[in-house]
Amino acid sequence: MDIDDAMAMDSLKTSMVSDQTTQGMLTLADSLEQQAMTAAPGSASMVTAQARVADLVTQAQLAKMLAAQLRQEATKLAHQKCDAQAQRHNHAKSFQQIQQVLAHP
């Protein structure tokens, strides 16, 4: 397994967790909606607190997804840089070989 495989697996795991969290958040949202409709007078602050906690969980999950995307992009850029350096090295080596051939006919 190389770094590309590891990054792909990490992204897959993160997206699976995100999907599970999304399903949980939808269930929680439905529950909060039901509680809000049947809430006793004066209990709105409890429902509001639950909704705020759910919002924070959602924001944290979004941050995790963005971090996974940033890691993928960083890996992609590192590969591009590595490829570019190898290409420059090969061009320089080819140029030296051409100069040697031209210098010694």
Protein backbone atom coordinates (compact mmCIF):
# COMPACT_ATOMS: atom_id res chain seq x y z
CA MET A 1 0.00 0.00 0.00
CA ASP A 2 1.42 3.37 -0.98
CA ILE A 3 0.52 6.89 0.10
CA ASP A 4 -2.13 7.25 -2.61
CA ASP A 5 -3.91 4.12 -1.39
CA ALA A 6 -3.70 5.30 2.22
CA MET A 7 -5.10 8.70 1.32
CA ALA A 8 -7.94 7.12 -0.65
CA MET A 9 -8.80 4.82 2.25
CA ASP A 10 -8.70 7.74 4.69
CA SER A 11 -11.03 9.77 2.49
CA LEU A 12 -13.37 6.82 2.08
CA LYS A 13 -13.53 6.30 5.85
CA THR A 14 -14.12 10.01 6.42
CA SER A 15 -16.94 10.10 3.88
CA MET A 16 -18.53 6.98 5.41
CA VAL A 17 -18.44 8.58 8.85
CA SER A 18 -19.86 11.76 7.35
CA ASP A 19 -22.73 9.85 5.77
CA GLN A 20 -23.49 8.15 9.10
CA THR A 21 -23.34 11.46 10.91
CA THR A 22 -25.63 13.04 8.34
CA GLN A 23 -28.19 10.30 8.86
CA GLY A 24 -27.92 10.79 12.62
CA MET A 25 -28.34 14.54 12.25
CA LEU A 26 -31.44 14.10 10.11
CA THR A 27 -32.93 11.78 12.72
CA LEU A 28 -32.06 14.27 15.46
CA ALA A 29 -33.57 17.12 13.45
CA ASP A 30 -36.82 15.18 13.07
CA SER A 31 -36.80 14.47 16.80
CA LEU A 32 -36.19 18.13 17.65
CA GLU A 33 -38.99 19.15 15.34
CA GLN A 34 -41.36 16.75 17.07
CA GLN A 35 -40.23 17.97 20.50
CA ALA A 36 -40.75 21.58 19.45
CA MET A 37 -44.32 20.83 18.36
CA THR A 38 -45.20 19.03 21.57
CA ALA A 39 -43.04 21.00 24.00
CA ALA A 40 -44.55 22.25 27.18
CA PRO A 41 -44.49 25.98 27.81
CA GLY A 42 -41.12 27.03 29.21
CA SER A 43 -39.18 24.08 27.77
CA ALA A 44 -38.08 25.84 24.60
CA SER A 45 -34.65 26.54 26.07
CA MET A 46 -33.94 22.79 26.32
CA VAL A 47 -34.94 22.21 22.69
CA THR A 48 -32.84 25.23 21.66
CA ALA A 49 -29.83 23.86 23.54
CA GLN A 50 -30.18 20.48 21.81
CA ALA A 51 -30.40 22.22 18.44
CA ARG A 52 -27.24 24.23 19.17
CA VAL A 53 -25.35 21.10 20.15
CA ALA A 54 -26.48 19.44 16.91
CA ASP A 55 -25.29 22.50 14.99
CA LEU A 56 -21.84 22.27 16.62
CA VAL A 57 -21.59 18.57 15.79
CA THR A 58 -22.49 19.33 12.18
CA GLN A 59 -19.86 22.08 11.98
CA ALA A 60 -17.22 19.76 13.45
CA GLN A 61 -18.04 17.10 10.87
CA LEU A 62 -17.82 19.68 8.09
CA ALA A 63 -14.39 20.71 9.38
CA LYS A 64 -13.27 17.06 9.26
CA MET A 65 -14.44 16.74 5.66
CA LEU A 66 -12.64 19.93 4.66
CA ALA A 67 -9.46 18.71 6.38
CA ALA A 68 -9.67 15.44 4.42
CA GLN A 69 -10.02 17.39 1.18
CA LEU A 70 -7.03 19.56 2.09
CA ARG A 71 -4.93 16.45 2.82
CA GLN A 72 -5.86 15.01 -0.57
CA GLU A 73 -4.95 18.24 -2.33
CA ALA A 74 -1.64 18.46 -0.47
CA THR A 75 -0.80 14.90 -1.51
CA LYS A 76 -1.69 15.70 -5.12
CA LEU A 77 0.53 18.79 -5.08
CA ALA A 78 3.41 16.84 -3.53
CA HIS A 79 3.16 14.24 -6.29
CA GLN A 80 3.11 16.94 -8.96
CA LYS A 81 6.19 18.58 -7.46
CA CYS A 82 7.99 15.25 -7.27
CA ASP A 83 7.09 14.46 -10.89
CA ALA A 84 8.25 17.89 -12.03
CA GLN A 85 11.59 17.48 -10.24
CA ALA A 86 12.12 14.06 -11.78
CA GLN A 87 11.29 15.47 -15.20
CA ARG A 88 13.76 18.34 -14.75
CA HIS A 89 16.43 15.86 -13.67
CA ASN A 90 15.78 13.69 -16.75
CA HIS A 91 15.93 16.74 -19.05
CA ALA A 92 19.24 17.86 -17.51
CA LYS A 93 20.67 14.36 -17.86
CA SER A 94 19.55 14.14 -21.50
CA PHE A 95 21.05 17.56 -22.20
CA GLN A 96 24.39 16.46 -20.72
CA GLN A 97 24.36 13.30 -22.83
CA ILE A 98 23.66 15.32 -25.98
CA GLN A 99 26.51 17.68 -25.13
CA GLN A 100 28.87 14.74 -24.61
CA VAL A 101 27.89 13.21 -27.97
CA LEU A 102 28.37 16.55 -29.72
CA ALA A 103 31.71 17.17 -27.99
CA HIS A 104 33.12 13.76 -29.04
CA PRO A 105 32.03 13.06 -32.61
